Amino acid sequence: MQSIETFLAKCVEMGGSDLHFKTDTGRAYVRVNGDLVGLDAAPFTDAEFRTALFQVLKINQIAKFERDLELDFAMEVVGVSRFRGNAYQQRGHMQAAFRVIPYEVKSMEDLQLPAACYDFIERPRGLVLVTGPAGSGKSTSLAAMLDRINRTQPVHIVTVEDPVEFVHDDHKALINQRELEVDTNSFAHALKYVLRQDPDVILVGEMRDLETIHLAITAAETGHLVFGTLHTVDAIQTVDRIVDVFPMHSQQQVRMQLSVNLVGVLSQTLVRRNDGRGRVAAYEVLVANSAVRNLIRESKTYQINSLIQTGARQKMQTLDQSLARLVEKGIVDQDEARTRAKDAPEFDRLLKLMREIPASPPPVAPSSQNPETPKAPPPSAGVRGQPNRPAFRRD
């Protein structure tokens, strides 16, 4: 079997985002523009793959996999890219999936992040959530926002990730990146002590459980700008997910805390481009203005969507509005965008409105008089010989 590094290099060369090894069939697959493509390589056995993978893992990582049958890790192929890996087992066979993490952090302009994101990173405190299904580019968007802060603000940034994906160098900011089970034992453990490390900005790689979510909200409440991710598909579900994690007796208190500390939610999904040059992100943006905060406090999150639909002046937009704009600009296909829409009829309606040409005003009937000669106003009743003076005058 070829080395793992050789397979990873082929994946990057093909423009792939993920690489999968399936050892019971001895095949490898690359995800290109969202679709899996089989690699033309000699079949391999489970034992050959296990040997090849163990050559790129550390001794403690091998021991952890053999104990837990699960392993998250990060690795680098010098001159090619960084990768996030996950080793697991199915039907007694060892498998693995790798995600490509580019060396270069794309800018917010390159990703065409919504205008509200520029406001989010300027806030001195609060909670910013970036959400979306797995593989939707959440880490890329967060890396772009952190990179802008790193280059423009003299602050201390602390990240807690599993594993560390994009590596940031110090620019104007000081940045420390901590990896789970390498630099800390858990997200909750890291967040418990991060407040004593004098941070200004905190990134929580994934808000997985009640304790992590509670500590993230507390960090925002104590005057820090906190970024976090959730696997939710839209802004409303994000708010509900955070509240529902907590027991019933404390949910009202969480709603109060969230309504005060939430800055905004960026939800995203990837859509295949028309020109075949990969995929482009469509975004839903929720900005926590006073109306949104009131609805969160009053447990009326089902009404938030109407505020997003009409909140263009506050830089808000729904996912369907974003998809319709991408179709109107010719970037993505209408049928492709429709499959990603939350409400297909609403998406069709928005697209129809964008494509409508304003009706021209009805033609004015031509006047029988010469149009260049204005019609004289009727003379005012007045003293004879003086038509422009009033008929009487009050002294």
Protein backbone atom coordinates (compact mmCIF):
# COMPACT_ATOMS: atom_id res chain seq x y z
CA MET A 1 0.00 0.00 0.00
CA GLN A 2 1.13 3.56 -0.76
CA SER A 3 1.84 5.80 2.21
CA ILE A 4 -0.91 7.88 3.81
CA GLU A 5 1.01 11.02 2.79
CA THR A 6 0.85 9.95 -0.88
CA PHE A 7 -2.93 9.56 -0.72
CA LEU A 8 -3.29 12.94 1.00
CA ALA A 9 -1.15 14.63 -1.64
CA LYS A 10 -3.38 13.13 -4.38
CA CYS A 11 -6.43 14.46 -2.57
CA VAL A 12 -5.04 18.00 -2.54
CA GLU A 13 -3.93 17.70 -6.18
CA MET A 14 -7.50 16.77 -7.17
CA GLY A 15 -8.90 19.78 -5.31
CA GLY A 16 -10.60 17.51 -2.79
CA SER A 17 -11.89 18.54 0.61
CA ASP A 18 -11.96 15.08 2.25
CA LEU A 19 -10.26 11.71 1.89
CA HIS A 20 -11.88 8.44 3.00
CA PHE A 21 -10.27 5.02 3.48
CA LYS A 22 -12.56 1.95 3.43
CA THR A 23 -10.48 -1.03 4.36
CA ASP A 24 -13.04 -3.83 3.97
CA THR A 25 -13.10 -3.09 0.22
CA GLY A 26 -9.54 -1.76 0.05
CA ARG A 27 -10.55 1.49 -1.67
CA ALA A 28 -10.03 5.21 -1.09
CA TYR A 29 -12.39 8.04 -2.01
CA VAL A 30 -11.95 11.80 -2.41
CA ARG A 31 -14.76 14.34 -1.98
CA VAL A 32 -14.54 16.85 -4.83
CA ASN A 33 -17.07 19.70 -4.92
CA GLY A 34 -19.30 17.75 -2.57
CA ASP A 35 -19.26 14.43 -4.49
CA LEU A 36 -17.24 11.30 -3.63
CA VAL A 37 -14.88 10.09 -6.35
CA GLY A 38 -13.04 6.76 -6.16
CA LEU A 39 -9.24 6.96 -6.33
CA ASP A 40 -7.48 4.88 -8.97
CA ALA A 41 -5.10 3.04 -6.67
CA ALA A 42 -4.20 -0.57 -5.91
CA PRO A 43 -6.49 -2.19 -3.34
CA PHE A 44 -5.16 -2.55 0.21
CA THR A 45 -5.97 -4.77 3.16
CA ASP A 46 -6.98 -3.84 6.68
CA ALA A 47 -3.55 -4.84 8.00
CA GLU A 48 -1.73 -2.77 5.36
CA PHE A 49 -3.83 0.29 6.15
CA ARG A 50 -3.40 -0.12 9.90
CA THR A 51 0.38 -0.26 9.47
CA ALA A 52 0.41 2.78 7.17
CA LEU A 53 -1.78 4.86 9.51
CA PHE A 54 0.15 3.93 12.64
CA GLN A 55 3.29 5.26 10.93
CA VAL A 56 1.83 8.81 10.99
CA LEU A 57 0.37 8.61 14.51
CA LYS A 58 2.12 9.16 17.81
CA ILE A 59 2.47 6.36 20.35
CA ASN A 60 -0.07 7.92 22.72
CA GLN A 61 -2.54 8.36 19.81
CA ILE A 62 -2.22 4.68 18.86
CA ALA A 63 -2.83 3.70 22.49
CA LYS A 64 -5.91 5.94 22.66
CA PHE A 65 -7.38 4.46 19.48
CA GLU A 66 -6.82 0.91 20.65
CA ARG A 67 -8.52 1.78 23.94
CA ASP A 68 -11.45 3.87 22.65
CA LEU A 69 -11.71 2.73 18.99
CA GLU A 70 -12.07 6.45 18.14
CA LEU A 71 -9.40 9.09 17.54
CA ASP A 72 -9.37 12.73 16.46
CA PHE A 73 -5.98 14.08 15.41
CA ALA A 74 -4.24 16.65 13.23
CA MET A 75 -1.24 16.13 11.00
CA GLU A 76 0.75 17.94 8.34
CA VAL A 77 2.29 16.84 5.06
CA VAL A 78 5.09 19.35 4.58
CA GLY A 79 4.66 21.40 1.44
CA VAL A 80 1.16 19.99 0.82
CA SER A 81 -1.32 20.95 3.55
CA ARG A 82 -2.50 20.36 7.10
CA PHE A 83 -5.16 17.74 7.74
CA ARG A 84 -7.70 16.91 10.41
CA GLY A 85 -8.12 13.17 10.79
CA ASN A 86 -10.57 10.81 12.43
CA ALA A 87 -9.83 7.11 12.84
CA TYR A 88 -12.69 4.76 13.67
CA GLN A 89 -13.79 1.18 13.25
CA GLN A 90 -16.70 -0.42 11.38
CA ARG A 91 -17.54 -4.11 11.25
CA GLY A 92 -14.19 -4.84 12.82
CA HIS A 93 -12.21 -2.91 10.17
CA MET A 94 -10.13 0.19 10.86
CA GLN A 95 -11.24 3.19 8.80
CA ALA A 96 -10.21 6.84 8.58
CA ALA A 97 -11.42 10.14 7.18
CA PHE A 98 -9.25 13.20 6.58
CA ARG A 99 -10.28 16.84 6.08
CA VAL A 100 -7.97 19.19 4.15
CA ILE A 101 -6.96 22.30 6.15
CA PRO A 102 -5.17 24.78 3.85
CA TYR A 103 -2.08 26.58 5.08
CA GLU A 104 -3.45 29.90 3.93
CA VAL A 105 -6.30 31.48 5.89
CA LYS A 106 -8.71 33.06 3.44
CA SER A 107 -9.75 36.65 4.09
CA MET A 108 -13.27 37.71 4.93
CA GLU A 109 -13.46 39.37 1.52
CA ASP A 110 -12.41 36.18 -0.28
CA LEU A 111 -15.16 34.25 1.50
CA GLN A 112 -17.67 37.06 0.86
CA LEU A 113 -18.75 36.99 4.49
CA PRO A 114 -21.85 39.11 5.20
CA ALA A 115 -21.42 42.72 6.28
CA ALA A 116 -22.65 41.92 9.80
CA CYS A 117 -19.52 39.79 10.42
CA TYR A 118 -17.37 42.93 10.25
CA ASP A 119 -19.49 44.34 13.07
CA PHE A 120 -19.28 41.13 15.10
CA ILE A 121 -15.47 41.19 15.27
CA GLU A 122 -15.46 44.82 16.42
CA ARG A 123 -17.60 44.12 19.47
CA PRO A 124 -15.72 44.25 22.78
CA ARG A 125 -17.80 41.49 24.38
CA GLY A 126 -20.59 39.04 23.71
CA LEU A 127 -21.28 35.67 22.10
CA VAL A 128 -20.97 35.06 18.33
CA LEU A 129 -22.13 31.68 17.03
CA VAL A 130 -21.17 30.18 13.67
CA THR A 131 -23.39 27.23 12.79
CA GLY A 132 -24.16 24.83 9.98
CA PRO A 133 -24.09 21.13 9.12
CA ALA A 134 -20.83 19.20 9.15
CA GLY A 135 -18.57 20.21 6.27
CA SER A 136 -20.26 23.57 5.68
CA GLY A 137 -17.13 25.68 6.19
CA LYS A 138 -17.66 26.88 9.76
CA SER A 139 -13.97 26.53 10.64
CA THR A 140 -12.97 28.47 7.52
CA SER A 141 -15.30 31.37 8.36
CA LEU A 142 -14.13 31.48 11.98
CA ALA A 143 -10.49 31.39 10.89
CA ALA A 144 -11.09 34.37 8.58
CA MET A 145 -12.71 36.41 11.36
CA LEU A 146 -9.97 35.53 13.86
CA ASP A 147 -7.31 36.39 11.28
CA ARG A 148 -8.86 39.86 10.79
CA ILE A 149 -8.84 40.43 14.56
CA ASN A 150 -5.28 39.10 14.73
CA ARG A 151 -4.12 41.59 12.09
CA THR A 152 -6.01 44.67 13.27
CA GLN A 153 -6.45 44.60 17.06
CA PRO A 154 -3.84 44.49 19.87
CA VAL A 155 -5.65 41.80 21.89
CA HIS A 156 -5.04 38.35 23.40
CA ILE A 157 -6.82 35.52 21.55
CA VAL A 158 -7.17 32.05 23.12
CA THR A 159 -8.61 29.15 21.12
CA VAL A 160 -9.65 25.71 22.38
CA GLU A 161 -9.95 23.23 19.50
CA ASP A 162 -10.25 19.51 18.84
CA PRO A 163 -7.85 19.33 17.08
CA VAL A 164 -6.13 22.61 16.11
CA GLU A 165 -6.97 23.18 12.46
CA PHE A 166 -5.84 26.54 11.03
CA VAL A 167 -2.55 27.67 12.59
CA HIS A 168 -2.33 31.43 13.23
CA ASP A 169 0.90 33.39 13.68
CA ASP A 170 1.04 36.43 15.95
CA HIS A 171 0.50 39.68 14.07
CA LYS A 172 -0.96 42.65 15.92
CA ALA A 173 -2.57 40.30 18.42
CA LEU A 174 -1.14 37.60 20.69
CA ILE A 175 -2.75 34.24 19.91
CA ASN A 176 -2.56 30.96 21.85
CA GLN A 177 -4.12 27.79 20.41
CA ARG A 178 -4.86 24.91 22.76
CA GLU A 179 -5.64 21.39 21.56
CA LEU A 180 -7.87 18.93 23.36
CA GLU A 181 -5.98 16.06 25.04
CA VAL A 182 -2.67 17.68 24.13
CA ASP A 183 -2.86 21.02 25.96
CA THR A 184 -6.07 20.53 27.97
CA ASN A 185 -8.33 17.68 29.02
CA SER A 186 -11.68 19.10 27.88
CA PHE A 187 -13.41 22.18 26.52
CA ALA A 188 -15.06 22.77 29.88
CA HIS A 189 -11.78 22.41 31.76
CA ALA A 190 -10.06 24.90 29.44
CA LEU A 191 -12.90 27.42 29.69
CA LYS A 192 -12.94 27.13 33.46
CA TYR A 193 -9.37 28.48 33.66
CA VAL A 194 -9.20 30.67 30.55
CA LEU A 195 -10.51 33.70 32.44
CA ARG A 196 -7.26 33.74 34.45
CA GLN A 197 -5.19 33.89 31.25
CA ASP A 198 -6.15 37.51 30.50
CA PRO A 199 -7.96 36.84 27.20
CA ASP A 200 -9.86 39.38 25.13
CA VAL A 201 -11.18 36.96 22.50
CA ILE A 202 -12.01 33.27 23.10
CA LEU A 203 -12.75 30.65 20.46
CA VAL A 204 -14.54 27.46 21.52
CA GLY A 205 -14.04 24.90 18.76
CA GLU A 206 -17.31 23.12 19.49
CA MET A 207 -20.00 23.76 22.10
CA ARG A 208 -20.86 20.12 22.73
CA ASP A 209 -22.41 19.87 26.18
CA LEU A 210 -24.18 21.79 28.93
CA GLU A 211 -21.04 22.67 30.88
CA THR A 212 -19.19 23.99 27.83
CA ILE A 213 -22.19 26.08 26.71
CA HIS A 214 -22.71 27.44 30.23
CA LEU A 215 -19.04 28.45 30.57
CA ALA A 216 -19.03 30.07 27.11
CA ILE A 217 -22.04 32.22 28.04
CA THR A 218 -20.40 33.07 31.37
CA ALA A 219 -17.19 34.12 29.58
CA ALA A 220 -19.21 36.43 27.33
CA GLU A 221 -21.04 37.76 30.38
CA THR A 222 -17.77 38.63 32.10
CA GLY A 223 -16.63 40.94 29.31
CA HIS A 224 -15.03 38.76 26.62
CA LEU A 225 -15.80 38.28 22.95
CA VAL A 226 -16.54 34.57 22.56
CA PHE A 227 -16.83 32.67 19.27
CA GLY A 228 -18.37 29.21 19.20
CA THR A 229 -19.78 26.64 16.78
CA LEU A 230 -22.88 24.46 16.81
CA HIS A 231 -24.18 21.84 14.39
CA THR A 232 -27.50 23.55 13.74
CA VAL A 233 -28.99 24.52 10.39
CA ASP A 234 -30.37 28.01 11.11
CA ALA A 235 -30.41 30.84 13.63
CA ILE A 236 -33.69 29.91 15.30
CA GLN A 237 -32.63 26.31 15.88
CA THR A 238 -29.34 27.60 17.31
CA VAL A 239 -31.08 29.62 20.02
CA ASP A 240 -33.44 26.75 20.83
CA ARG A 241 -30.58 24.22 20.99
CA ILE A 242 -28.68 26.28 23.54
CA VAL A 243 -31.73 26.72 25.76
CA ASP A 244 -32.90 23.10 25.45
CA VAL A 245 -29.54 21.74 26.63
CA PHE A 246 -30.29 23.06 30.10
CA PRO A 247 -32.75 21.48 32.57
CA MET A 248 -36.24 22.93 32.59
CA HIS A 249 -35.87 24.78 35.89
CA SER A 250 -32.92 26.86 34.62
CA GLN A 251 -34.06 27.56 31.03
CA GLN A 252 -35.63 30.93 31.83
CA GLN A 253 -32.39 32.13 33.40
CA VAL A 254 -30.45 30.93 30.32
CA ARG A 255 -32.85 32.82 28.05
CA MET A 256 -32.15 35.97 30.06
CA GLN A 257 -28.38 35.46 29.85
CA LEU A 258 -28.50 34.63 26.15
CA SER A 259 -30.71 37.61 25.32
CA VAL A 260 -28.24 39.95 27.00
CA ASN A 261 -25.00 38.43 25.70
CA LEU A 262 -25.79 37.17 22.20
CA VAL A 263 -24.20 39.34 19.50
CA GLY A 264 -25.29 37.38 16.44
CA VAL A 265 -25.56 34.06 14.65
CA LEU A 266 -24.02 33.18 11.29
CA SER A 267 -25.49 30.00 9.76
CA GLN A 268 -24.08 28.71 6.50
CA THR A 269 -24.23 25.96 3.92
CA LEU A 270 -22.17 25.18 0.82
CA VAL A 271 -23.67 25.13 -2.68
CA ARG A 272 -22.01 23.88 -5.87
CA ARG A 273 -21.02 26.69 -8.27
CA ASN A 274 -22.22 26.88 -11.86
CA ASP A 275 -18.73 27.26 -13.30
CA GLY A 276 -17.41 24.06 -11.69
CA ARG A 277 -14.90 25.96 -9.55
CA GLY A 278 -15.85 24.36 -6.27
CA ARG A 279 -18.57 25.50 -3.90
CA VAL A 280 -19.75 28.82 -2.51
CA ALA A 281 -21.31 29.53 0.88
CA ALA A 282 -24.83 30.83 1.43
CA TYR A 283 -25.35 32.59 4.75
CA GLU A 284 -28.17 33.29 7.18
CA VAL A 285 -27.44 36.19 9.52
CA LEU A 286 -29.17 37.02 12.80
CA VAL A 287 -28.18 40.24 14.56
CA ALA A 288 -29.29 40.42 18.18
CA ASN A 289 -31.11 43.75 18.25
CA SER A 290 -33.61 44.76 20.94
CA ALA A 291 -36.54 43.05 19.21
CA VAL A 292 -34.63 39.76 18.89
CA ARG A 293 -33.55 39.95 22.53
CA ASN A 294 -37.15 40.41 23.65
CA LEU A 295 -38.30 37.36 21.67
CA ILE A 296 -35.50 35.23 23.18
CA ARG A 297 -36.45 36.41 26.70
CA GLU A 298 -40.14 35.70 26.11
CA SER A 299 -39.51 32.25 24.56
CA LYS A 300 -40.97 33.34 21.21
CA THR A 301 -38.09 32.28 18.99
CA TYR A 302 -40.55 31.11 16.31
CA GLN A 303 -41.14 34.80 15.54
CA ILE A 304 -37.45 35.56 14.94
CA ASN A 305 -37.57 34.48 11.30
CA SER A 306 -39.93 37.33 10.41
CA LEU A 307 -37.47 39.80 11.98
CA ILE A 308 -34.64 38.33 9.91
CA GLN A 309 -36.73 38.60 6.72
CA THR A 310 -37.39 42.31 7.31
CA GLY A 311 -34.05 43.15 8.95
CA ALA A 312 -32.01 44.15 5.90
CA ARG A 313 -31.22 47.55 7.44
CA GLN A 314 -29.68 45.75 10.43
CA LYS A 315 -27.64 43.59 7.97
CA MET A 316 -29.77 40.49 8.55
CA GLN A 317 -30.75 37.98 5.88
CA THR A 318 -32.38 34.56 5.65
CA LEU A 319 -30.72 31.58 4.02
CA ASP A 320 -33.36 31.63 1.26
CA GLN A 321 -32.62 35.29 0.52
CA SER A 322 -28.90 34.52 0.27
CA LEU A 323 -29.54 31.57 -2.05
CA ALA A 324 -31.85 33.63 -4.27
CA ARG A 325 -29.16 36.32 -4.65
CA LEU A 326 -26.58 33.70 -5.66
CA VAL A 327 -28.96 32.39 -8.33
CA GLU A 328 -29.79 35.89 -9.55
CA LYS A 329 -26.06 36.67 -9.92
CA GLY A 330 -25.59 33.48 -11.96
CA ILE A 331 -23.20 31.92 -9.43
CA VAL A 332 -25.27 28.81 -8.65
CA ASP A 333 -27.96 26.86 -10.46
CA GLN A 334 -31.57 27.42 -9.42
CA ASP A 335 -32.32 23.71 -8.89
CA GLU A 336 -29.15 23.27 -6.84
CA ALA A 337 -30.01 26.26 -4.66
CA ARG A 338 -33.59 25.07 -4.23
CA THR A 339 -32.40 21.80 -2.69
CA ARG A 340 -30.56 23.83 -0.03
CA ALA A 341 -33.43 26.22 0.73
CA LYS A 342 -35.24 25.99 4.07
CA ASP A 343 -38.59 26.85 2.49
CA ALA A 344 -38.67 25.99 -1.23
CA PRO A 345 -41.89 27.96 -2.02
CA GLU A 346 -40.48 31.00 -0.22
CA PHE A 347 -37.23 30.66 -2.18
CA ASP A 348 -39.21 30.55 -5.45
CA ARG A 349 -41.17 33.64 -4.42
CA LEU A 350 -38.01 35.59 -3.57
CA LEU A 351 -36.37 34.63 -6.85
CA LYS A 352 -39.47 35.68 -8.80
CA LEU A 353 -39.49 39.07 -7.06
CA MET A 354 -35.82 39.62 -7.89
CA ARG A 355 -36.38 38.78 -11.54
CA GLU A 356 -39.46 40.92 -12.03
CA ILE A 357 -38.93 44.00 -14.19
CA PRO A 358 -40.69 47.07 -12.75
CA ALA A 359 -43.75 47.90 -14.84
CA SER A 360 -43.36 51.09 -16.89
CA PRO A 361 -45.87 53.89 -16.10
CA PRO A 362 -48.94 54.02 -18.36
CA PRO A 363 -48.59 56.41 -21.32
CA VAL A 364 -50.12 59.86 -20.91
CA ALA A 365 -52.80 60.77 -23.44
CA PRO A 366 -51.58 63.57 -25.71
CA SER A 367 -53.17 66.95 -25.05
CA SER A 368 -55.15 68.67 -27.81
CA GLN A 369 -53.35 71.91 -27.01
CA ASN A 370 -49.76 72.65 -27.92
CA PRO A 371 -47.72 70.91 -25.19
CA GLU A 372 -45.14 73.66 -25.27
CA THR A 373 -47.74 76.31 -24.47
CA PRO A 374 -48.84 76.01 -20.85
CA LYS A 375 -52.48 76.50 -20.17
CA ALA A 376 -53.08 79.85 -18.49
CA PRO A 377 -54.57 79.71 -15.03
CA PRO A 378 -58.11 81.04 -14.68
CA PRO A 379 -58.14 84.75 -13.88
CA SER A 380 -58.97 85.70 -10.32
CA ALA A 381 -62.07 87.72 -9.72
CA GLY A 382 -61.00 91.27 -9.00
CA VAL A 383 -61.44 94.94 -9.71
CA ARG A 384 -62.00 95.65 -13.37
CA GLY A 385 -58.77 96.39 -15.11
CA GLN A 386 -56.77 94.87 -12.29
CA PRO A 387 -57.39 91.09 -12.60
CA ASN A 388 -54.48 90.20 -10.37
CA ARG A 389 -55.74 92.14 -7.37
CA PRO A 390 -58.36 90.88 -4.91
CA ALA A 391 -61.91 92.12 -5.21
CA PHE A 392 -61.74 93.74 -1.80
CA ARG A 393 -59.07 94.57 0.75
CA ARG A 394 -59.32 94.47 4.50
CA ASP A 395 -57.59 97.41 6.13
